[in-house]
Amino acid sequence: IGLTHPKGLAGCAYLYDIEVLPERR
């Protein structure tokens, strides 16, 4: 997670990546 949005949106964090391990899906 980036706490600064890549487009500069104030107060908006950005989720760059989330992944659940394949065996846990």
mmCIF file of all heavy atoms, coordinates in Angstrom:
data_MODEL
# 
_entry.id   MODEL 
# 
loop_
_atom_site.group_PDB 
_atom_site.id 
_atom_site.type_symbol 
_atom_site.label_atom_id 
_atom_site.label_alt_id 
_atom_site.label_comp_id 
_atom_site.label_asym_id 
_atom_site.label_entity_id 
_atom_site.label_seq_id 
_atom_site.pdbx_PDB_ins_code 
_atom_site.Cartn_x 
_atom_site.Cartn_y 
_atom_site.Cartn_z 
_atom_site.occupancy 
_atom_site.B_iso_or_equiv 
_atom_site.pdbx_formal_charge 
_atom_site.auth_seq_id 
_atom_site.auth_comp_id 
_atom_site.auth_asym_id 
_atom_site.auth_atom_id 
_atom_site.pdbx_PDB_model_num 
ATOM 1   N N   . ILE A 1 1  ? 0.848  -1.190  0.000   1.00 0.00 ? 1  ILE A N   1 
ATOM 2   C CA  . ILE A 1 1  ? 0.000  0.000   0.000   1.00 0.00 ? 1  ILE A CA  1 
ATOM 3   C C   . ILE A 1 1  ? 0.883  1.239   0.000   1.00 0.00 ? 1  ILE A C   1 
ATOM 4   O O   . ILE A 1 1  ? 1.830  1.341   0.794   1.00 0.00 ? 1  ILE A O   1 
ATOM 5   C CB  . ILE A 1 1  ? -0.926 0.035   1.236   1.00 0.00 ? 1  ILE A CB  1 
ATOM 6   C CG1 . ILE A 1 1  ? -1.855 -1.190  1.234   1.00 0.00 ? 1  ILE A CG1 1 
ATOM 7   C CG2 . ILE A 1 1  ? -1.728 1.337   1.287   1.00 0.00 ? 1  ILE A CG2 1 
ATOM 8   C CD1 . ILE A 1 1  ? -2.651 -1.367  2.515   1.00 0.00 ? 1  ILE A CD1 1 
ATOM 9   N N   . GLY A 1 2  ? 0.563  2.166   -0.884  1.00 0.00 ? 2  GLY A N   1 
ATOM 10  C CA  . GLY A 1 2  ? 1.212  3.468   -0.887  1.00 0.00 ? 2  GLY A CA  1 
ATOM 11  C C   . GLY A 1 2  ? 0.305  4.467   -0.196  1.00 0.00 ? 2  GLY A C   1 
ATOM 12  O O   . GLY A 1 2  ? -0.874 4.556   -0.518  1.00 0.00 ? 2  GLY A O   1 
ATOM 13  N N   . LEU A 1 3  ? 0.841  5.201   0.743   1.00 0.00 ? 3  LEU A N   1 
ATOM 14  C CA  . LEU A 1 3  ? 0.020  6.171   1.478   1.00 0.00 ? 3  LEU A CA  1 
ATOM 15  C C   . LEU A 1 3  ? -0.204 7.448   0.685   1.00 0.00 ? 3  LEU A C   1 
ATOM 16  O O   . LEU A 1 3  ? -1.095 8.230   1.014   1.00 0.00 ? 3  LEU A O   1 
ATOM 17  C CB  . LEU A 1 3  ? 0.653  6.476   2.835   1.00 0.00 ? 3  LEU A CB  1 
ATOM 18  C CG  . LEU A 1 3  ? 0.705  5.267   3.775   1.00 0.00 ? 3  LEU A CG  1 
ATOM 19  C CD1 . LEU A 1 3  ? 1.477  5.624   5.040   1.00 0.00 ? 3  LEU A CD1 1 
ATOM 20  C CD2 . LEU A 1 3  ? -0.696 4.760   4.091   1.00 0.00 ? 3  LEU A CD2 1 
ATOM 21  N N   . THR A 1 4  ? 0.570  7.657   -0.355  1.00 0.00 ? 4  THR A N   1 
ATOM 22  C CA  . THR A 1 4  ? 0.380  8.785   -1.252  1.00 0.00 ? 4  THR A CA  1 
ATOM 23  C C   . THR A 1 4  ? -0.111 8.233   -2.578  1.00 0.00 ? 4  THR A C   1 
ATOM 24  O O   . THR A 1 4  ? 0.528  7.366   -3.175  1.00 0.00 ? 4  THR A O   1 
ATOM 25  C CB  . THR A 1 4  ? 1.704  9.549   -1.467  1.00 0.00 ? 4  THR A CB  1 
ATOM 26  O OG1 . THR A 1 4  ? 2.178  9.988   -0.195  1.00 0.00 ? 4  THR A OG1 1 
ATOM 27  C CG2 . THR A 1 4  ? 1.505  10.742  -2.383  1.00 0.00 ? 4  THR A CG2 1 
ATOM 28  N N   . HIS A 1 5  ? -1.236 8.717   -3.039  1.00 0.00 ? 5  HIS A N   1 
ATOM 29  C CA  . HIS A 1 5  ? -1.818 8.243   -4.298  1.00 0.00 ? 5  HIS A CA  1 
ATOM 30  C C   . HIS A 1 5  ? -0.922 8.630   -5.468  1.00 0.00 ? 5  HIS A C   1 
ATOM 31  O O   . HIS A 1 5  ? -0.392 9.748   -5.501  1.00 0.00 ? 5  HIS A O   1 
ATOM 32  C CB  . HIS A 1 5  ? -3.221 8.845   -4.469  1.00 0.00 ? 5  HIS A CB  1 
ATOM 33  C CG  . HIS A 1 5  ? -4.010 8.223   -5.558  1.00 0.00 ? 5  HIS A CG  1 
ATOM 34  N ND1 . HIS A 1 5  ? -3.796 8.517   -6.880  1.00 0.00 ? 5  HIS A ND1 1 
ATOM 35  C CD2 . HIS A 1 5  ? -4.992 7.297   -5.518  1.00 0.00 ? 5  HIS A CD2 1 
ATOM 36  C CE1 . HIS A 1 5  ? -4.628 7.818   -7.616  1.00 0.00 ? 5  HIS A CE1 1 
ATOM 37  N NE2 . HIS A 1 5  ? -5.365 7.054   -6.820  1.00 0.00 ? 5  HIS A NE2 1 
ATOM 38  N N   . PRO A 1 6  ? -0.726 7.745   -6.448  1.00 0.00 ? 6  PRO A N   1 
ATOM 39  C CA  . PRO A 1 6  ? 0.153  8.078   -7.576  1.00 0.00 ? 6  PRO A CA  1 
ATOM 40  C C   . PRO A 1 6  ? -0.310 9.275   -8.405  1.00 0.00 ? 6  PRO A C   1 
ATOM 41  O O   . PRO A 1 6  ? 0.493  9.901   -9.086  1.00 0.00 ? 6  PRO A O   1 
ATOM 42  C CB  . PRO A 1 6  ? 0.166  6.797   -8.423  1.00 0.00 ? 6  PRO A CB  1 
ATOM 43  C CG  . PRO A 1 6  ? -0.972 5.982   -7.952  1.00 0.00 ? 6  PRO A CG  1 
ATOM 44  C CD  . PRO A 1 6  ? -1.274 6.401   -6.551  1.00 0.00 ? 6  PRO A CD  1 
ATOM 45  N N   . LYS A 1 7  ? -1.587 9.624   -8.321  1.00 0.00 ? 7  LYS A N   1 
ATOM 46  C CA  . LYS A 1 7  ? -2.087 10.809  -9.038  1.00 0.00 ? 7  LYS A CA  1 
ATOM 47  C C   . LYS A 1 7  ? -2.279 11.994  -8.101  1.00 0.00 ? 7  LYS A C   1 
ATOM 48  O O   . LYS A 1 7  ? -2.874 12.996  -8.474  1.00 0.00 ? 7  LYS A O   1 
ATOM 49  C CB  . LYS A 1 7  ? -3.398 10.485  -9.740  1.00 0.00 ? 7  LYS A CB  1 
ATOM 50  C CG  . LYS A 1 7  ? -3.223 9.474   -10.860 1.00 0.00 ? 7  LYS A CG  1 
ATOM 51  C CD  . LYS A 1 7  ? -4.532 9.195   -11.557 1.00 0.00 ? 7  LYS A CD  1 
ATOM 52  C CE  . LYS A 1 7  ? -4.325 8.158   -12.646 1.00 0.00 ? 7  LYS A CE  1 
ATOM 53  N NZ  . LYS A 1 7  ? -5.582 7.728   -13.246 1.00 0.00 ? 7  LYS A NZ  1 
ATOM 54  N N   . GLY A 1 8  ? -1.804 11.865  -6.869  1.00 0.00 ? 8  GLY A N   1 
ATOM 55  C CA  . GLY A 1 8  ? -1.850 12.971  -5.932  1.00 0.00 ? 8  GLY A CA  1 
ATOM 56  C C   . GLY A 1 8  ? -3.194 13.225  -5.276  1.00 0.00 ? 8  GLY A C   1 
ATOM 57  O O   . GLY A 1 8  ? -3.409 14.309  -4.739  1.00 0.00 ? 8  GLY A O   1 
ATOM 58  N N   . LEU A 1 9  ? -4.104 12.264  -5.290  1.00 0.00 ? 9  LEU A N   1 
ATOM 59  C CA  . LEU A 1 9  ? -5.414 12.463  -4.662  1.00 0.00 ? 9  LEU A CA  1 
ATOM 60  C C   . LEU A 1 9  ? -5.254 12.578  -3.150  1.00 0.00 ? 9  LEU A C   1 
ATOM 61  O O   . LEU A 1 9  ? -4.772 11.652  -2.492  1.00 0.00 ? 9  LEU A O   1 
ATOM 62  C CB  . LEU A 1 9  ? -6.359 11.302  -4.989  1.00 0.00 ? 9  LEU A CB  1 
ATOM 63  C CG  . LEU A 1 9  ? -6.676 11.073  -6.463  1.00 0.00 ? 9  LEU A CG  1 
ATOM 64  C CD1 . LEU A 1 9  ? -7.561 9.840   -6.635  1.00 0.00 ? 9  LEU A CD1 1 
ATOM 65  C CD2 . LEU A 1 9  ? -7.355 12.297  -7.053  1.00 0.00 ? 9  LEU A CD2 1 
ATOM 66  N N   . ALA A 1 10 ? -5.632 13.711  -2.605  1.00 0.00 ? 10 ALA A N   1 
ATOM 67  C CA  . ALA A 1 10 ? -5.468 13.969  -1.177  1.00 0.00 ? 10 ALA A CA  1 
ATOM 68  C C   . ALA A 1 10 ? -6.252 12.959  -0.337  1.00 0.00 ? 10 ALA A C   1 
ATOM 69  O O   . ALA A 1 10 ? -7.416 12.676  -0.619  1.00 0.00 ? 10 ALA A O   1 
ATOM 70  C CB  . ALA A 1 10 ? -5.927 15.385  -0.848  1.00 0.00 ? 10 ALA A CB  1 
ATOM 71  N N   . GLY A 1 11 ? -5.607 12.424  0.674   1.00 0.00 ? 11 GLY A N   1 
ATOM 72  C CA  . GLY A 1 11 ? -6.257 11.526  1.613   1.00 0.00 ? 11 GLY A CA  1 
ATOM 73  C C   . GLY A 1 11 ? -6.533 10.132  1.077   1.00 0.00 ? 11 GLY A C   1 
ATOM 74  O O   . GLY A 1 11 ? -7.138 9.320   1.760   1.00 0.00 ? 11 GLY A O   1 
ATOM 75  N N   . CYS A 1 12 ? -6.103 9.850   -0.133  1.00 0.00 ? 12 CYS A N   1 
ATOM 76  C CA  . CYS A 1 12 ? -6.394 8.561   -0.760  1.00 0.00 ? 12 CYS A CA  1 
ATOM 77  C C   . CYS A 1 12 ? -5.118 7.746   -0.896  1.00 0.00 ? 12 CYS A C   1 
ATOM 78  O O   . CYS A 1 12 ? -4.190 8.139   -1.598  1.00 0.00 ? 12 CYS A O   1 
ATOM 79  C CB  . CYS A 1 12 ? -7.038 8.772   -2.132  1.00 0.00 ? 12 CYS A CB  1 
ATOM 80  S SG  . CYS A 1 12 ? -7.634 7.240   -2.888  1.00 0.00 ? 12 CYS A SG  1 
ATOM 81  N N   . ALA A 1 13 ? -5.074 6.611   -0.205  1.00 0.00 ? 13 ALA A N   1 
ATOM 82  C CA  . ALA A 1 13 ? -3.960 5.677   -0.337  1.00 0.00 ? 13 ALA A CA  1 
ATOM 83  C C   . ALA A 1 13 ? -4.192 4.814   -1.579  1.00 0.00 ? 13 ALA A C   1 
ATOM 84  O O   . ALA A 1 13 ? -5.267 4.868   -2.188  1.00 0.00 ? 13 ALA A O   1 
ATOM 85  C CB  . ALA A 1 13 ? -3.864 4.810   0.915   1.00 0.00 ? 13 ALA A CB  1 
ATOM 86  N N   . TYR A 1 14 ? -3.192 4.035   -1.947  1.00 0.00 ? 14 TYR A N   1 
ATOM 87  C CA  . TYR A 1 14 ? -3.295 3.226   -3.164  1.00 0.00 ? 14 TYR A CA  1 
ATOM 88  C C   . TYR A 1 14 ? -2.803 1.812   -2.892  1.00 0.00 ? 14 TYR A C   1 
ATOM 89  O O   . TYR A 1 14 ? -1.691 1.619   -2.385  1.00 0.00 ? 14 TYR A O   1 
ATOM 90  C CB  . TYR A 1 14 ? -2.462 3.866   -4.275  1.00 0.00 ? 14 TYR A CB  1 
ATOM 91  C CG  . TYR A 1 14 ? -2.790 3.321   -5.636  1.00 0.00 ? 14 TYR A CG  1 
ATOM 92  C CD1 . TYR A 1 14 ? -3.876 3.798   -6.349  1.00 0.00 ? 14 TYR A CD1 1 
ATOM 93  C CD2 . TYR A 1 14 ? -2.024 2.319   -6.196  1.00 0.00 ? 14 TYR A CD2 1 
ATOM 94  C CE1 . TYR A 1 14 ? -4.191 3.292   -7.606  1.00 0.00 ? 14 TYR A CE1 1 
ATOM 95  C CE2 . TYR A 1 14 ? -2.325 1.812   -7.456  1.00 0.00 ? 14 TYR A CE2 1 
ATOM 96  C CZ  . TYR A 1 14 ? -3.416 2.303   -8.148  1.00 0.00 ? 14 TYR A CZ  1 
ATOM 97  O OH  . TYR A 1 14 ? -3.709 1.794   -9.380  1.00 0.00 ? 14 TYR A OH  1 
ATOM 98  N N   . LEU A 1 15 ? -3.637 0.850   -3.208  1.00 0.00 ? 15 LEU A N   1 
ATOM 99  C CA  . LEU A 1 15 ? -3.292 -0.560  -3.051  1.00 0.00 ? 15 LEU A CA  1 
ATOM 100 C C   . LEU A 1 15 ? -2.605 -1.030  -4.330  1.00 0.00 ? 15 LEU A C   1 
ATOM 101 O O   . LEU A 1 15 ? -3.245 -1.231  -5.354  1.00 0.00 ? 15 LEU A O   1 
ATOM 102 C CB  . LEU A 1 15 ? -4.552 -1.392  -2.787  1.00 0.00 ? 15 LEU A CB  1 
ATOM 103 C CG  . LEU A 1 15 ? -4.354 -2.891  -2.618  1.00 0.00 ? 15 LEU A CG  1 
ATOM 104 C CD1 . LEU A 1 15 ? -3.489 -3.197  -1.405  1.00 0.00 ? 15 LEU A CD1 1 
ATOM 105 C CD2 . LEU A 1 15 ? -5.697 -3.585  -2.502  1.00 0.00 ? 15 LEU A CD2 1 
ATOM 106 N N   . TYR A 1 16 ? -1.294 -1.160  -4.276  1.00 0.00 ? 16 TYR A N   1 
ATOM 107 C CA  . TYR A 1 16 ? -0.525 -1.576  -5.448  1.00 0.00 ? 16 TYR A CA  1 
ATOM 108 C C   . TYR A 1 16 ? -0.589 -3.077  -5.665  1.00 0.00 ? 16 TYR A C   1 
ATOM 109 O O   . TYR A 1 16 ? -0.575 -3.549  -6.800  1.00 0.00 ? 16 TYR A O   1 
ATOM 110 C CB  . TYR A 1 16 ? 0.943  -1.161  -5.305  1.00 0.00 ? 16 TYR A CB  1 
ATOM 111 C CG  . TYR A 1 16 ? 1.174  0.307   -5.525  1.00 0.00 ? 16 TYR A CG  1 
ATOM 112 C CD1 . TYR A 1 16 ? 1.292  1.188   -4.452  1.00 0.00 ? 16 TYR A CD1 1 
ATOM 113 C CD2 . TYR A 1 16 ? 1.280  0.830   -6.810  1.00 0.00 ? 16 TYR A CD2 1 
ATOM 114 C CE1 . TYR A 1 16 ? 1.515  2.538   -4.655  1.00 0.00 ? 16 TYR A CE1 1 
ATOM 115 C CE2 . TYR A 1 16 ? 1.497  2.177   -7.028  1.00 0.00 ? 16 TYR A CE2 1 
ATOM 116 C CZ  . TYR A 1 16 ? 1.619  3.022   -5.941  1.00 0.00 ? 16 TYR A CZ  1 
ATOM 117 O OH  . TYR A 1 16 ? 1.829  4.361   -6.149  1.00 0.00 ? 16 TYR A OH  1 
ATOM 118 N N   . ASP A 1 17 ? -0.625 -3.836  -4.573  1.00 0.00 ? 17 ASP A N   1 
ATOM 119 C CA  . ASP A 1 17 ? -0.601 -5.287  -4.723  1.00 0.00 ? 17 ASP A CA  1 
ATOM 120 C C   . ASP A 1 17 ? -1.232 -5.947  -3.509  1.00 0.00 ? 17 ASP A C   1 
ATOM 121 O O   . ASP A 1 17 ? -0.989 -5.541  -2.372  1.00 0.00 ? 17 ASP A O   1 
ATOM 122 C CB  . ASP A 1 17 ? 0.853  -5.766  -4.883  1.00 0.00 ? 17 ASP A CB  1 
ATOM 123 C CG  . ASP A 1 17 ? 0.966  -7.257  -5.187  1.00 0.00 ? 17 ASP A CG  1 
ATOM 124 O OD1 . ASP A 1 17 ? 0.186  -7.753  -6.032  1.00 0.00 ? 17 ASP A OD1 1 
ATOM 125 O OD2 . ASP A 1 17 ? 1.836  -7.921  -4.596  1.00 0.00 ? 17 ASP A OD2 1 
ATOM 126 N N   . ILE A 1 18 ? -2.032 -6.939  -3.790  1.00 0.00 ? 18 ILE A N   1 
ATOM 127 C CA  . ILE A 1 18 ? -2.556 -7.834  -2.763  1.00 0.00 ? 18 ILE A CA  1 
ATOM 128 C C   . ILE A 1 18 ? -2.585 -9.212  -3.397  1.00 0.00 ? 18 ILE A C   1 
ATOM 129 O O   . ILE A 1 18 ? -2.982 -9.358  -4.549  1.00 0.00 ? 18 ILE A O   1 
ATOM 130 C CB  . ILE A 1 18 ? -3.958 -7.414  -2.260  1.00 0.00 ? 18 ILE A CB  1 
ATOM 131 C CG1 . ILE A 1 18 ? -4.472 -8.393  -1.187  1.00 0.00 ? 18 ILE A CG1 1 
ATOM 132 C CG2 . ILE A 1 18 ? -4.934 -7.290  -3.415  1.00 0.00 ? 18 ILE A CG2 1 
ATOM 133 C CD1 . ILE A 1 18 ? -5.779 -7.961  -0.521  1.00 0.00 ? 18 ILE A CD1 1 
ATOM 134 N N   . GLU A 1 19 ? -2.105 -10.174 -2.654  1.00 0.00 ? 19 GLU A N   1 
ATOM 135 C CA  . GLU A 1 19 ? -2.148 -11.541 -3.180  1.00 0.00 ? 19 GLU A CA  1 
ATOM 136 C C   . GLU A 1 19 ? -2.294 -12.524 -2.036  1.00 0.00 ? 19 GLU A C   1 
ATOM 137 O O   . GLU A 1 19 ? -1.598 -12.424 -1.022  1.00 0.00 ? 19 GLU A O   1 
ATOM 138 C CB  . GLU A 1 19 ? -0.899 -11.866 -3.989  1.00 0.00 ? 19 GLU A CB  1 
ATOM 139 C CG  . GLU A 1 19 ? -1.010 -13.227 -4.648  1.00 0.00 ? 19 GLU A CG  1 
ATOM 140 C CD  . GLU A 1 19 ? 0.105  -13.530 -5.617  1.00 0.00 ? 19 GLU A CD  1 
ATOM 141 O OE1 . GLU A 1 19 ? 1.051  -12.742 -5.736  1.00 0.00 ? 19 GLU A OE1 1 
ATOM 142 O OE2 . GLU A 1 19 ? 0.024  -14.579 -6.267  1.00 0.00 ? 19 GLU A OE2 1 
ATOM 143 N N   . VAL A 1 20 ? -3.197 -13.456 -2.233  1.00 0.00 ? 20 VAL A N   1 
ATOM 144 C CA  . VAL A 1 20 ? -3.348 -14.582 -1.329  1.00 0.00 ? 20 VAL A CA  1 
ATOM 145 C C   . VAL A 1 20 ? -2.565 -15.739 -1.940  1.00 0.00 ? 20 VAL A C   1 
ATOM 146 O O   . VAL A 1 20 ? -2.619 -15.955 -3.161  1.00 0.00 ? 20 VAL A O   1 
ATOM 147 C CB  . VAL A 1 20 ? -4.841 -14.948 -1.147  1.00 0.00 ? 20 VAL A CB  1 
ATOM 148 C CG1 . VAL A 1 20 ? -4.999 -16.231 -0.340  1.00 0.00 ? 20 VAL A CG1 1 
ATOM 149 C CG2 . VAL A 1 20 ? -5.591 -13.795 -0.485  1.00 0.00 ? 20 VAL A CG2 1 
ATOM 150 N N   . LEU A 1 21 ? -1.842 -16.459 -1.117  1.00 0.00 ? 21 LEU A N   1 
ATOM 151 C CA  . LEU A 1 21 ? -1.085 -17.610 -1.614  1.00 0.00 ? 21 LEU A CA  1 
ATOM 152 C C   . LEU A 1 21 ? -2.021 -18.567 -2.341  1.00 0.00 ? 21 LEU A C   1 
ATOM 153 O O   . LEU A 1 21 ? -3.148 -18.794 -1.894  1.00 0.00 ? 21 LEU A O   1 
ATOM 154 C CB  . LEU A 1 21 ? -0.410 -18.336 -0.447  1.00 0.00 ? 21 LEU A CB  1 
ATOM 155 C CG  . LEU A 1 21 ? 0.619  -17.518 0.336   1.00 0.00 ? 21 LEU A CG  1 
ATOM 156 C CD1 . LEU A 1 21 ? 1.082  -18.279 1.574   1.00 0.00 ? 21 LEU A CD1 1 
ATOM 157 C CD2 . LEU A 1 21 ? 1.801  -17.179 -0.545  1.00 0.00 ? 21 LEU A CD2 1 
ATOM 158 N N   . PRO A 1 22 ? -1.588 -19.124 -3.461  1.00 0.00 ? 22 PRO A N   1 
ATOM 159 C CA  . PRO A 1 22 ? -2.475 -19.995 -4.254  1.00 0.00 ? 22 PRO A CA  1 
ATOM 160 C C   . PRO A 1 22 ? -3.146 -21.109 -3.450  1.00 0.00 ? 22 PRO A C   1 
ATOM 161 O O   . PRO A 1 22 ? -4.336 -21.380 -3.633  1.00 0.00 ? 22 PRO A O   1 
ATOM 162 C CB  . PRO A 1 22 ? -1.535 -20.574 -5.326  1.00 0.00 ? 22 PRO A CB  1 
ATOM 163 C CG  . PRO A 1 22 ? -0.464 -19.553 -5.475  1.00 0.00 ? 22 PRO A CG  1 
ATOM 164 C CD  . PRO A 1 22 ? -0.271 -18.960 -4.096  1.00 0.00 ? 22 PRO A CD  1 
ATOM 165 N N   . GLU A 1 23 ? -2.409 -21.724 -2.543  1.00 0.00 ? 23 GLU A N   1 
ATOM 166 C CA  . GLU A 1 23 ? -2.979 -22.823 -1.754  1.00 0.00 ? 23 GLU A CA  1 
ATOM 167 C C   . GLU A 1 23 ? -3.974 -22.360 -0.699  1.00 0.00 ? 23 GLU A C   1 
ATOM 168 O O   . GLU A 1 23 ? -4.671 -23.171 -0.093  1.00 0.00 ? 23 GLU A O   1 
ATOM 169 C CB  . GLU A 1 23 ? -1.860 -23.654 -1.110  1.00 0.00 ? 23 GLU A CB  1 
ATOM 170 C CG  . GLU A 1 23 ? -1.032 -22.910 -0.082  1.00 0.00 ? 23 GLU A CG  1 
ATOM 171 C CD  . GLU A 1 23 ? 0.156  -22.136 -0.644  1.00 0.00 ? 23 GLU A CD  1 
ATOM 172 O OE1 . GLU A 1 23 ? 0.218  -21.887 -1.870  1.00 0.00 ? 23 GLU A OE1 1 
ATOM 173 O OE2 . GLU A 1 23 ? 1.033  -21.765 0.165   1.00 0.00 ? 23 GLU A OE2 1 
ATOM 174 N N   . ARG A 1 24 ? -4.083 -21.049 -0.491  1.00 0.00 ? 24 ARG A N   1 
ATOM 175 C CA  . ARG A 1 24 ? -5.002 -20.489 0.507   1.00 0.00 ? 24 ARG A CA  1 
ATOM 176 C C   . ARG A 1 24 ? -6.230 -19.826 -0.116  1.00 0.00 ? 24 ARG A C   1 
ATOM 177 O O   . ARG A 1 24 ? -7.097 -19.320 0.599   1.00 0.00 ? 24 ARG A O   1 
ATOM 178 C CB  . ARG A 1 24 ? -4.279 -19.445 1.364   1.00 0.00 ? 24 ARG A CB  1 
ATOM 179 C CG  . ARG A 1 24 ? -3.142 -19.994 2.181   1.00 0.00 ? 24 ARG A CG  1 
ATOM 180 C CD  . ARG A 1 24 ? -3.684 -20.708 3.365   1.00 0.00 ? 24 ARG A CD  1 
ATOM 181 N NE  . ARG A 1 24 ? -2.616 -21.108 4.260   1.00 0.00 ? 24 ARG A NE  1 
ATOM 182 C CZ  . ARG A 1 24 ? -2.824 -21.764 5.359   1.00 0.00 ? 24 ARG A CZ  1 
ATOM 183 N NH1 . ARG A 1 24 ? -4.045 -22.089 5.706   1.00 0.00 ? 24 ARG A NH1 1 
ATOM 184 N NH2 . ARG A 1 24 ? -1.822 -22.113 6.126   1.00 0.00 ? 24 ARG A NH2 1 
ATOM 185 N N   . ARG A 1 25 ? -6.308 -19.795 -1.429  1.00 0.00 ? 25 ARG A N   1 
ATOM 186 C CA  . ARG A 1 25 ? -7.419 -19.116 -2.105  1.00 0.00 ? 25 ARG A CA  1 
ATOM 187 C C   . ARG A 1 25 ? -8.716 -19.879 -1.933  1.00 0.00 ? 25 ARG A C   1 
ATOM 188 O O   . ARG A 1 25 ? -8.731 -21.085 -1.724  1.00 0.00 ? 25 ARG A O   1 
ATOM 189 C CB  . ARG A 1 25 ? -7.086 -18.933 -3.585  1.00 0.00 ? 25 ARG A CB  1 
ATOM 190 C CG  . ARG A 1 25 ? -5.934 -17.964 -3.760  1.00 0.00 ? 25 ARG A CG  1 
ATOM 191 C CD  . ARG A 1 25 ? -5.544 -17.759 -5.189  1.00 0.00 ? 25 ARG A CD  1 
ATOM 192 N NE  . ARG A 1 25 ? -4.345 -16.909 -5.213  1.00 0.00 ? 25 ARG A NE  1 
ATOM 193 C CZ  . ARG A 1 25 ? -3.515 -16.836 -6.213  1.00 0.00 ? 25 ARG A CZ  1 
ATOM 194 N NH1 . ARG A 1 25 ? -3.721 -17.523 -7.327  1.00 0.00 ? 25 ARG A NH1 1 
ATOM 195 N NH2 . ARG A 1 25 ? -2.451 -16.060 -6.135  1.00 0.00 ? 25 ARG A NH2 1 
# 
